[in-house]
Amino acid sequence: MKYQLQGRYPDYNPFIPNKTKVNEYLKKTKEIFQWIKVQL
């Protein structure tokens, strides 16, 4: 995937989030996934 981004967007340099932020993203993703499952 990194290669595809560099090929299409050569000046794109994404930041790497710290571990705390990653855990927040995962927690929120799990919450949303559970909500979606309840809605179905």
C-alpha atoms as a PDB file:
ATOM      1  CA  MET A   1       0.000   0.000   0.000  1.00  0.00           C
ATOM      2  CA  LYS A   2       2.831   2.382   0.762  1.00  0.00           C
ATOM      3  CA  TYR A   3       4.086   1.988  -2.782  1.00  0.00           C
ATOM      4  CA  GLN A   4       0.681   2.841  -4.255  1.00  0.00           C
ATOM      5  CA  LEU A   5       0.407   5.999  -2.149  1.00  0.00           C
ATOM      6  CA  GLN A   6       3.895   7.123  -3.109  1.00  0.00           C
ATOM      7  CA  GLY A   7       3.175   6.492  -6.782  1.00  0.00           C
ATOM      8  CA  ARG A   8      -0.041   8.465  -6.770  1.00  0.00           C
ATOM      9  CA  TYR A   9       0.864  11.109  -4.179  1.00  0.00           C
ATOM     10  CA  PRO A  10       4.652  11.523  -4.186  1.00  0.00           C
ATOM     11  CA  ASP A  11       4.628  14.372  -1.639  1.00  0.00           C
ATOM     12  CA  TYR A  12       2.290  12.606   0.802  1.00  0.00           C
ATOM     13  CA  ASN A  13       3.976  11.799   4.116  1.00  0.00           C
ATOM     14  CA  PRO A  14       1.380  10.548   6.611  1.00  0.00           C
ATOM     15  CA  PHE A  15       2.087  10.943  10.295  1.00  0.00           C
ATOM     16  CA  ILE A  16       2.274   7.866  12.493  1.00  0.00           C
ATOM     17  CA  PRO A  17      -0.038   8.253  15.489  1.00  0.00           C
ATOM     18  CA  ASN A  18       1.211   7.374  18.936  1.00  0.00           C
ATOM     19  CA  LYS A  19       0.044   4.227  20.708  1.00  0.00           C
ATOM     20  CA  THR A  20      -2.540   6.097  22.792  1.00  0.00           C
ATOM     21  CA  LYS A  21      -4.190   7.570  19.704  1.00  0.00           C
ATOM     22  CA  VAL A  22      -4.189   4.181  17.972  1.00  0.00           C
ATOM     23  CA  ASN A  23      -5.938   2.627  20.967  1.00  0.00           C
ATOM     24  CA  GLU A  24      -8.532   5.415  20.899  1.00  0.00           C
ATOM     25  CA  TYR A  25      -9.179   4.748  17.196  1.00  0.00           C
ATOM     26  CA  LEU A  26      -9.548   1.015  17.842  1.00  0.00           C
ATOM     27  CA  LYS A  27     -11.896   1.548  20.775  1.00  0.00           C
ATOM     28  CA  LYS A  28     -14.090   3.911  18.763  1.00  0.00           C
ATOM     29  CA  THR A  29     -14.069   1.507  15.803  1.00  0.00           C
ATOM     30  CA  LYS A  30     -15.190  -1.365  18.033  1.00  0.00           C
ATOM     31  CA  GLU A  31     -17.976   0.769  19.495  1.00  0.00           C
ATOM     32  CA  ILE A  32     -19.219   1.765  16.048  1.00  0.00           C
ATOM     33  CA  PHE A  33     -19.028  -1.825  14.826  1.00  0.00           C
ATOM     34  CA  GLN A  34     -21.108  -3.008  17.768  1.00  0.00           C
ATOM     35  CA  TRP A  35     -23.647  -0.250  17.127  1.00  0.00           C
ATOM     36  CA  ILE A  36     -23.923  -1.238  13.468  1.00  0.00           C
ATOM     37  CA  LYS A  37     -24.455  -4.900  14.396  1.00  0.00           C
ATOM     38  CA  VAL A  38     -27.332  -3.893  16.702  1.00  0.00           C
ATOM     39  CA  GLN A  39     -28.907  -1.831  13.924  1.00  0.00           C
ATOM     40  CA  LEU A  40     -29.055  -4.788  11.528  1.00  0.00           C
END
